[in-house]
Amino acid sequence: MARIEEVIAAGCEPHVQPYMKLNALEKIPHAMHGWTVQRLQDVARWANGWVWKTAPFSAYDRHRKNVPPEIYDAQQGLFV
């Protein structure tokens, strides 16, 4: 995370690639140093999806859906 924050502080855009062993039979990131595979994937999605421009990683929620709010049209009596 320190490297990602350093890249952002320098005014650049980070591109995160979780470490995978070269001889891995399955393409699953190799989690080390207290990281989990899920956290590695979350950091990669946060950084590569440009979510870092709007929210810090501590506020990132992988389950959040960006759905536009429903607007009620009183004239038609329907949600548009």
PDB file of N, CA and C in Angstrom:
ATOM      1  N   MET A   1       0.826  -1.192   0.000  1.00  0.00           N
ATOM      2  CA  MET A   1       0.000   0.000   0.000  1.00  0.00           C
ATOM      3  C   MET A   1       0.873   1.260   0.000  1.00  0.00           C
ATOM      4  N   ALA A   2       2.025   1.193   0.646  1.00  0.00           N
ATOM      5  CA  ALA A   2       2.903   2.360   0.690  1.00  0.00           C
ATOM      6  C   ALA A   2       3.375   2.728  -0.712  1.00  0.00           C
ATOM      7  N   ARG A   3       3.666   1.738  -1.533  1.00  0.00           N
ATOM      8  CA  ARG A   3       4.109   2.012  -2.902  1.00  0.00           C
ATOM      9  C   ARG A   3       2.982   2.626  -3.724  1.00  0.00           C
ATOM     10  N   ILE A   4       1.777   2.135  -3.531  1.00  0.00           N
ATOM     11  CA  ILE A   4       0.628   2.684  -4.263  1.00  0.00           C
ATOM     12  C   ILE A   4       0.406   4.135  -3.864  1.00  0.00           C
ATOM     13  N   GLU A   5       0.449   4.409  -2.552  1.00  0.00           N
ATOM     14  CA  GLU A   5       0.265   5.777  -2.075  1.00  0.00           C
ATOM     15  C   GLU A   5       1.384   6.693  -2.561  1.00  0.00           C
ATOM     16  N   GLU A   6       2.595   6.170  -2.676  1.00  0.00           N
ATOM     17  CA  GLU A   6       3.720   6.961  -3.178  1.00  0.00           C
ATOM     18  C   GLU A   6       3.510   7.326  -4.649  1.00  0.00           C
ATOM     19  N   VAL A   7       3.006   6.390  -5.436  1.00  0.00           N
ATOM     20  CA  VAL A   7       2.739   6.647  -6.856  1.00  0.00           C
ATOM     21  C   VAL A   7       1.639   7.692  -7.007  1.00  0.00           C
ATOM     22  N   ILE A   8       0.586   7.579  -6.197  1.00  0.00           N
ATOM     23  CA  ILE A   8      -0.515   8.539  -6.250  1.00  0.00           C
ATOM     24  C   ILE A   8      -0.028   9.924  -5.823  1.00  0.00           C
ATOM     25  N   ALA A   9       0.791   9.979  -4.761  1.00  0.00           N
ATOM     26  CA  ALA A   9       1.313  11.253  -4.270  1.00  0.00           C
ATOM     27  C   ALA A   9       2.208  11.929  -5.314  1.00  0.00           C
ATOM     28  N   ALA A  10       2.851  11.141  -6.169  1.00  0.00           N
ATOM     29  CA  ALA A  10       3.711  11.698  -7.210  1.00  0.00           C
ATOM     30  C   ALA A  10       2.904  12.206  -8.405  1.00  0.00           C
ATOM     31  N   GLY A  11       1.585  12.040  -8.361  1.00  0.00           N
ATOM     32  CA  GLY A  11       0.739  12.523  -9.448  1.00  0.00           C
ATOM     33  C   GLY A  11       0.567  11.525 -10.569  1.00  0.00           C
ATOM     34  N   CYS A  12       0.915  10.277 -10.332  1.00  0.00           N
ATOM     35  CA  CYS A  12       0.792   9.232 -11.356  1.00  0.00           C
ATOM     36  C   CYS A  12      -0.397   8.330 -11.039  1.00  0.00           C
ATOM     37  N   GLU A  13      -0.758   7.501 -11.998  1.00  0.00           N
ATOM     38  CA  GLU A  13      -1.839   6.546 -11.801  1.00  0.00           C
ATOM     39  C   GLU A  13      -1.246   5.167 -11.546  1.00  0.00           C
ATOM     40  N   PRO A  14      -1.659   4.519 -10.450  1.00  0.00           N
ATOM     41  CA  PRO A  14      -1.098   3.203 -10.136  1.00  0.00           C
ATOM     42  C   PRO A  14      -1.689   2.110 -11.020  1.00  0.00           C
ATOM     43  N   HIS A  15      -0.910   1.105 -11.287  1.00  0.00           N
ATOM     44  CA  HIS A  15      -1.387  -0.109 -11.958  1.00  0.00           C
ATOM     45  C   HIS A  15      -0.907  -1.285 -11.115  1.00  0.00           C
ATOM     46  N   VAL A  16      -1.827  -1.926 -10.431  1.00  0.00           N
ATOM     47  CA  VAL A  16      -1.491  -2.961  -9.459  1.00  0.00           C
ATOM     48  C   VAL A  16      -1.607  -4.333 -10.095  1.00  0.00           C
ATOM     49  N   GLN A  17      -0.573  -5.131  -9.922  1.00  0.00           N
ATOM     50  CA  GLN A  17      -0.569  -6.508 -10.389  1.00  0.00           C
ATOM     51  C   GLN A  17      -0.137  -7.397  -9.225  1.00  0.00           C
ATOM     52  N   PRO A  18      -1.061  -8.160  -8.637  1.00  0.00           N
ATOM     53  CA  PRO A  18      -0.673  -9.045  -7.542  1.00  0.00           C
ATOM     54  C   PRO A  18       0.349 -10.081  -8.018  1.00  0.00           C
ATOM     55  N   TYR A  19       1.284 -10.420  -7.142  1.00  0.00           N
ATOM     56  CA  TYR A  19       2.341 -11.365  -7.466  1.00  0.00           C
ATOM     57  C   TYR A  19       1.780 -12.766  -7.651  1.00  0.00           C
ATOM     58  N   MET A  20       2.141 -13.400  -8.751  1.00  0.00           N
ATOM     59  CA  MET A  20       1.794 -14.795  -9.006  1.00  0.00           C
ATOM     60  C   MET A  20       3.076 -15.556  -9.306  1.00  0.00           C
ATOM     61  N   LYS A  21       3.161 -16.755  -8.806  1.00  0.00           N
ATOM     62  CA  LYS A  21       4.341 -17.565  -9.082  1.00  0.00           C
ATOM     63  C   LYS A  21       4.372 -17.916 -10.570  1.00  0.00           C
ATOM     64  N   LEU A  22       5.560 -17.990 -11.133  1.00  0.00           N
ATOM     65  CA  LEU A  22       5.694 -18.264 -12.564  1.00  0.00           C
ATOM     66  C   LEU A  22       5.250 -19.677 -12.933  1.00  0.00           C
ATOM     67  N   ASN A  23       5.394 -20.621 -12.006  1.00  0.00           N
ATOM     68  CA  ASN A  23       5.024 -22.005 -12.306  1.00  0.00           C
ATOM     69  C   ASN A  23       3.663 -22.374 -11.719  1.00  0.00           C
ATOM     70  N   ALA A  24       2.823 -21.399 -11.439  1.00  0.00           N
ATOM     71  CA  ALA A  24       1.507 -21.660 -10.857  1.00  0.00           C
ATOM     72  C   ALA A  24       0.595 -22.328 -11.889  1.00  0.00           C
ATOM     73  N   LEU A  25      -0.086 -23.371 -11.468  1.00  0.00           N
ATOM     74  CA  LEU A  25      -1.025 -24.045 -12.358  1.00  0.00           C
ATOM     75  C   LEU A  25      -2.358 -23.305 -12.412  1.00  0.00           C
ATOM     76  N   GLU A  26      -2.721 -22.645 -11.313  1.00  0.00           N
ATOM     77  CA  GLU A  26      -3.938 -21.838 -11.271  1.00  0.00           C
ATOM     78  C   GLU A  26      -3.531 -20.377 -11.120  1.00  0.00           C
ATOM     79  N   LYS A  27      -4.238 -19.478 -11.781  1.00  0.00           N
ATOM     80  CA  LYS A  27      -3.889 -18.069 -11.731  1.00  0.00           C
ATOM     81  C   LYS A  27      -4.502 -17.420 -10.492  1.00  0.00           C
ATOM     82  N   ILE A  28      -3.932 -17.760  -9.353  1.00  0.00           N
ATOM     83  CA  ILE A  28      -4.355 -17.207  -8.077  1.00  0.00           C
ATOM     84  C   ILE A  28      -3.158 -16.457  -7.498  1.00  0.00           C
ATOM     85  N   PRO A  29      -3.351 -15.204  -7.047  1.00  0.00           N
ATOM     86  CA  PRO A  29      -2.228 -14.454  -6.482  1.00  0.00           C
ATOM     87  C   PRO A  29      -1.620 -15.176  -5.278  1.00  0.00           C
ATOM     88  N   HIS A  30      -0.325 -15.014  -5.115  1.00  0.00           N
ATOM     89  CA  HIS A  30       0.402 -15.618  -4.004  1.00  0.00           C
ATOM     90  C   HIS A  30       0.396 -14.625  -2.841  1.00  0.00           C
ATOM     91  N   ALA A  31      -0.389 -14.904  -1.819  1.00  0.00           N
ATOM     92  CA  ALA A  31      -0.520 -13.998  -0.674  1.00  0.00           C
ATOM     93  C   ALA A  31       0.616 -14.235   0.314  1.00  0.00           C
ATOM     94  N   MET A  32       1.311 -13.158   0.679  1.00  0.00           N
ATOM     95  CA  MET A  32       2.419 -13.240   1.631  1.00  0.00           C
ATOM     96  C   MET A  32       2.295 -12.090   2.625  1.00  0.00           C
ATOM     97  N   HIS A  33       3.068 -12.161   3.681  1.00  0.00           N
ATOM     98  CA  HIS A  33       3.217 -11.074   4.653  1.00  0.00           C
ATOM     99  C   HIS A  33       1.891 -10.622   5.252  1.00  0.00           C
ATOM    100  N   GLY A  34       1.022 -11.552   5.596  1.00  0.00           N
ATOM    101  CA  GLY A  34      -0.230 -11.211   6.259  1.00  0.00           C
ATOM    102  C   GLY A  34      -1.359 -10.778   5.331  1.00  0.00           C
ATOM    103  N   TRP A  35      -1.138 -10.793   4.043  1.00  0.00           N
ATOM    104  CA  TRP A  35      -2.184 -10.444   3.081  1.00  0.00           C
ATOM    105  C   TRP A  35      -3.007 -11.687   2.780  1.00  0.00           C
ATOM    106  N   THR A  36      -4.243 -11.478   2.340  1.00  0.00           N
ATOM    107  CA  THR A  36      -5.082 -12.574   1.868  1.00  0.00           C
ATOM    108  C   THR A  36      -5.302 -12.395   0.369  1.00  0.00           C
ATOM    109  N   VAL A  37      -5.709 -13.452  -0.288  1.00  0.00           N
ATOM    110  CA  VAL A  37      -5.980 -13.380  -1.731  1.00  0.00           C
ATOM    111  C   VAL A  37      -7.105 -12.385  -1.992  1.00  0.00           C
ATOM    112  N   GLN A  38      -8.135 -12.386  -1.146  1.00  0.00           N
ATOM    113  CA  GLN A  38      -9.261 -11.468  -1.328  1.00  0.00           C
ATOM    114  C   GLN A  38      -8.812 -10.011  -1.191  1.00  0.00           C
ATOM    115  N   ARG A  39      -7.949  -9.743  -0.212  1.00  0.00           N
ATOM    116  CA  ARG A  39      -7.468  -8.371  -0.030  1.00  0.00           C
ATOM    117  C   ARG A  39      -6.596  -7.937  -1.211  1.00  0.00           C
ATOM    118  N   LEU A  40      -5.786  -8.830  -1.747  1.00  0.00           N
ATOM    119  CA  LEU A  40      -4.993  -8.509  -2.935  1.00  0.00           C
ATOM    120  C   LEU A  40      -5.897  -8.159  -4.116  1.00  0.00           C
ATOM    121  N   GLN A  41      -6.962  -8.931  -4.293  1.00  0.00           N
ATOM    122  CA  GLN A  41      -7.895  -8.650  -5.385  1.00  0.00           C
ATOM    123  C   GLN A  41      -8.626  -7.328  -5.166  1.00  0.00           C
ATOM    124  N   ASP A  42      -8.989  -7.045  -3.913  1.00  0.00           N
ATOM    125  CA  ASP A  42      -9.672  -5.782  -3.609  1.00  0.00           C
ATOM    126  C   ASP A  42      -8.777  -4.581  -3.886  1.00  0.00           C
ATOM    127  N   VAL A  43      -7.507  -4.672  -3.499  1.00  0.00           N
ATOM    128  CA  VAL A  43      -6.567  -3.563  -3.738  1.00  0.00           C
ATOM    129  C   VAL A  43      -6.381  -3.359  -5.240  1.00  0.00           C
ATOM    130  N   ALA A  44      -6.277  -4.445  -5.992  1.00  0.00           N
ATOM    131  CA  ALA A  44      -6.112  -4.334  -7.440  1.00  0.00           C
ATOM    132  C   ALA A  44      -7.342  -3.691  -8.085  1.00  0.00           C
ATOM    133  N   ARG A  45      -8.536  -4.085  -7.657  1.00  0.00           N
ATOM    134  CA  ARG A  45      -9.756  -3.487  -8.212  1.00  0.00           C
ATOM    135  C   ARG A  45      -9.879  -2.022  -7.826  1.00  0.00           C
ATOM    136  N   TRP A  46      -9.510  -1.695  -6.576  1.00  0.00           N
ATOM    137  CA  TRP A  46      -9.577  -0.309  -6.104  1.00  0.00           C
ATOM    138  C   TRP A  46      -8.628   0.579  -6.906  1.00  0.00           C
ATOM    139  N   ALA A  47      -7.410   0.115  -7.112  1.00  0.00           N
ATOM    140  CA  ALA A  47      -6.416   0.937  -7.798  1.00  0.00           C
ATOM    141  C   ALA A  47      -6.639   0.964  -9.308  1.00  0.00           C
ATOM    142  N   ASN A  48      -6.896  -0.171  -9.913  1.00  0.00           N
ATOM    143  CA  ASN A  48      -7.021  -0.246 -11.372  1.00  0.00           C
ATOM    144  C   ASN A  48      -8.371   0.256 -11.871  1.00  0.00           C
ATOM    145  N   GLY A  49      -9.370   0.289 -10.990  1.00  0.00           N
ATOM    146  CA  GLY A  49     -10.690   0.782 -11.378  1.00  0.00           C
ATOM    147  C   GLY A  49     -10.876   2.260 -11.131  1.00  0.00           C
ATOM    148  N   TRP A  50      -9.812   2.967 -10.773  1.00  0.00           N
ATOM    149  CA  TRP A  50      -9.808   4.400 -10.518  1.00  0.00           C
ATOM    150  C   TRP A  50     -10.705   4.803  -9.365  1.00  0.00           C
ATOM    151  N   VAL A  51     -11.026   3.878  -8.495  1.00  0.00           N
ATOM    152  CA  VAL A  51     -11.816   4.210  -7.306  1.00  0.00           C
ATOM    153  C   VAL A  51     -10.972   5.067  -6.369  1.00  0.00           C
ATOM    154  N   TRP A  52      -9.656   4.953  -6.458  1.00  0.00           N
ATOM    155  CA  TRP A  52      -8.757   5.723  -5.599  1.00  0.00           C
ATOM    156  C   TRP A  52      -8.912   7.219  -5.796  1.00  0.00           C
ATOM    157  N   LYS A  53      -9.484   7.625  -6.941  1.00  0.00           N
ATOM    158  CA  LYS A  53      -9.690   9.054  -7.194  1.00  0.00           C
ATOM    159  C   LYS A  53     -10.844   9.608  -6.366  1.00  0.00           C
ATOM    160  N   THR A  54     -11.775   8.755  -5.974  1.00  0.00           N
ATOM    161  CA  THR A  54     -12.949   9.227  -5.249  1.00  0.00           C
ATOM    162  C   THR A  54     -12.981   8.818  -3.790  1.00  0.00           C
ATOM    163  N   ALA A  55     -12.304   7.717  -3.433  1.00  0.00           N
ATOM    164  CA  ALA A  55     -12.377   7.234  -2.047  1.00  0.00           C
ATOM    165  C   ALA A  55     -11.073   6.544  -1.663  1.00  0.00           C
ATOM    166  N   PRO A  56     -10.677   6.676  -0.398  1.00  0.00           N
ATOM    167  CA  PRO A  56      -9.501   5.927   0.056  1.00  0.00           C
ATOM    168  C   PRO A  56      -9.829   4.438   0.159  1.00  0.00           C
ATOM    169  N   PHE A  57      -8.792   3.609   0.227  1.00  0.00           N
ATOM    170  CA  PHE A  57      -9.031   2.166   0.281  1.00  0.00           C
ATOM    171  C   PHE A  57      -9.809   1.764   1.528  1.00  0.00           C
ATOM    172  N   SER A  58      -9.633   2.505   2.618  1.00  0.00           N
ATOM    173  CA  SER A  58     -10.358   2.172   3.851  1.00  0.00           C
ATOM    174  C   SER A  58     -11.870   2.324   3.675  1.00  0.00           C
ATOM    175  N   ALA A  59     -12.318   3.149   2.735  1.00  0.00           N
ATOM    176  CA  ALA A  59     -13.743   3.341   2.480  1.00  0.00           C
ATOM    177  C   ALA A  59     -14.245   2.478   1.330  1.00  0.00           C
ATOM    178  N   TYR A  60     -13.357   1.703   0.700  1.00  0.00           N
ATOM    179  CA  TYR A  60     -13.733   0.883  -0.445  1.00  0.00           C
ATOM    180  C   TYR A  60     -14.577  -0.309   0.007  1.00  0.00           C
ATOM    181  N   ASP A  61     -15.682  -0.555  -0.685  1.00  0.00           N
ATOM    182  CA  ASP A  61     -16.558  -1.692  -0.398  1.00  0.00           C
ATOM    183  C   ASP A  61     -16.778  -2.453  -1.695  1.00  0.00           C
ATOM    184  N   ARG A  62     -16.303  -3.698  -1.754  1.00  0.00           N
ATOM    185  CA  ARG A  62     -16.401  -4.458  -3.000  1.00  0.00           C
ATOM    186  C   ARG A  62     -17.826  -4.888  -3.314  1.00  0.00           C
ATOM    187  N   HIS A  63     -18.727  -4.805  -2.333  1.00  0.00           N
ATOM    188  CA  HIS A  63     -20.109  -5.226  -2.549  1.00  0.00           C
ATOM    189  C   HIS A  63     -21.019  -4.084  -2.985  1.00  0.00           C
ATOM    190  N   ARG A  64     -20.503  -2.873  -2.991  1.00  0.00           N
ATOM    191  CA  ARG A  64     -21.325  -1.712  -3.335  1.00  0.00           C
ATOM    192  C   ARG A  64     -21.610  -1.693  -4.829  1.00  0.00           C
ATOM    193  N   LYS A  65     -22.840  -1.455  -5.166  1.00  0.00           N
ATOM    194  CA  LYS A  65     -23.249  -1.328  -6.562  1.00  0.00           C
ATOM    195  C   LYS A  65     -23.562   0.140  -6.838  1.00  0.00           C
ATOM    196  N   ASN A  66     -23.085   0.641  -7.945  1.00  0.00           N
ATOM    197  CA  ASN A  66     -23.377   2.013  -8.340  1.00  0.00           C
ATOM    198  C   ASN A  66     -24.602   2.020  -9.232  1.00  0.00           C
ATOM    199  N   VAL A  67     -25.747   2.175  -8.603  1.00  0.00           N
ATOM    200  CA  VAL A  67     -26.998   2.211  -9.343  1.00  0.00           C
ATOM    201  C   VAL A  67     -27.568   3.620  -9.254  1.00  0.00           C
ATOM    202  N   PRO A  68     -28.024   4.152 -10.369  1.00  0.00           N
ATOM    203  CA  PRO A  68     -28.601   5.496 -10.309  1.00  0.00           C
ATOM    204  C   PRO A  68     -29.869   5.498  -9.454  1.00  0.00           C
ATOM    205  N   PRO A  69     -30.113   6.560  -8.702  1.00  0.00           N
ATOM    206  CA  PRO A  69     -31.313   6.600  -7.864  1.00  0.00           C
ATOM    207  C   PRO A  69     -32.574   6.649  -8.720  1.00  0.00           C
ATOM    208  N   GLU A  70     -33.623   6.026  -8.232  1.00  0.00           N
ATOM    209  CA  GLU A  70     -34.891   6.041  -8.957  1.00  0.00           C
ATOM    210  C   GLU A  70     -35.557   7.395  -8.765  1.00  0.00           C
ATOM    211  N   ILE A  71     -36.124   7.918  -9.838  1.00  0.00           N
ATOM    212  CA  ILE A  71     -36.797   9.213  -9.793  1.00  0.00           C
ATOM    213  C   ILE A  71     -38.282   8.978 -10.055  1.00  0.00           C
ATOM    214  N   TYR A  72     -39.090   9.514  -9.146  1.00  0.00           N
ATOM    215  CA  TYR A  72     -40.530   9.330  -9.278  1.00  0.00           C
ATOM    216  C   TYR A  72     -41.121  10.448 -10.124  1.00  0.00           C
ATOM    217  N   ASP A  73     -41.852  10.078 -11.177  1.00  0.00           N
ATOM    218  CA  ASP A  73     -42.537  11.050 -12.025  1.00  0.00           C
ATOM    219  C   ASP A  73     -43.999  11.086 -11.592  1.00  0.00           C
ATOM    220  N   ALA A  74     -44.375  12.147 -10.908  1.00  0.00           N
ATOM    221  CA  ALA A  74     -45.718  12.250 -10.364  1.00  0.00           C
ATOM    222  C   ALA A  74     -46.774  12.377 -11.450  1.00  0.00           C
ATOM    223  N   GLN A  75     -46.393  12.943 -12.591  1.00  0.00           N
ATOM    224  CA  GLN A  75     -47.353  13.115 -13.682  1.00  0.00           C
ATOM    225  C   GLN A  75     -47.765  11.769 -14.252  1.00  0.00           C
ATOM    226  N   GLN A  76     -46.819  10.871 -14.400  1.00  0.00           N
ATOM    227  CA  GLN A  76     -47.122   9.541 -14.936  1.00  0.00           C
ATOM    228  C   GLN A  76     -47.449   8.554 -13.827  1.00  0.00           C
ATOM    229  N   GLY A  77     -47.050   8.857 -12.613  1.00  0.00           N
ATOM    230  CA  GLY A  77     -47.288   7.947 -11.492  1.00  0.00           C
ATOM    231  C   GLY A  77     -46.349   6.744 -11.535  1.00  0.00           C
ATOM    232  N   LEU A  78     -45.163   6.921 -12.141  1.00  0.00           N
ATOM    233  CA  LEU A  78     -44.221   5.826 -12.294  1.00  0.00           C
ATOM    234  C   LEU A  78     -42.821   6.261 -11.850  1.00  0.00           C
ATOM    235  N   PHE A  79     -42.011   5.267 -11.520  1.00  0.00           N
ATOM    236  CA  PHE A  79     -40.583   5.514 -11.300  1.00  0.00           C
ATOM    237  C   PHE A  79     -39.894   5.431 -12.649  1.00  0.00           C
ATOM    238  N   VAL A  80     -39.057   6.406 -12.956  1.00  0.00           N
ATOM    239  CA  VAL A  80     -38.380   6.440 -14.234  1.00  0.00           C
ATOM    240  C   VAL A  80     -36.943   5.998 -14.067  1.00  0.00           C
TER     241      VAL A  80
END
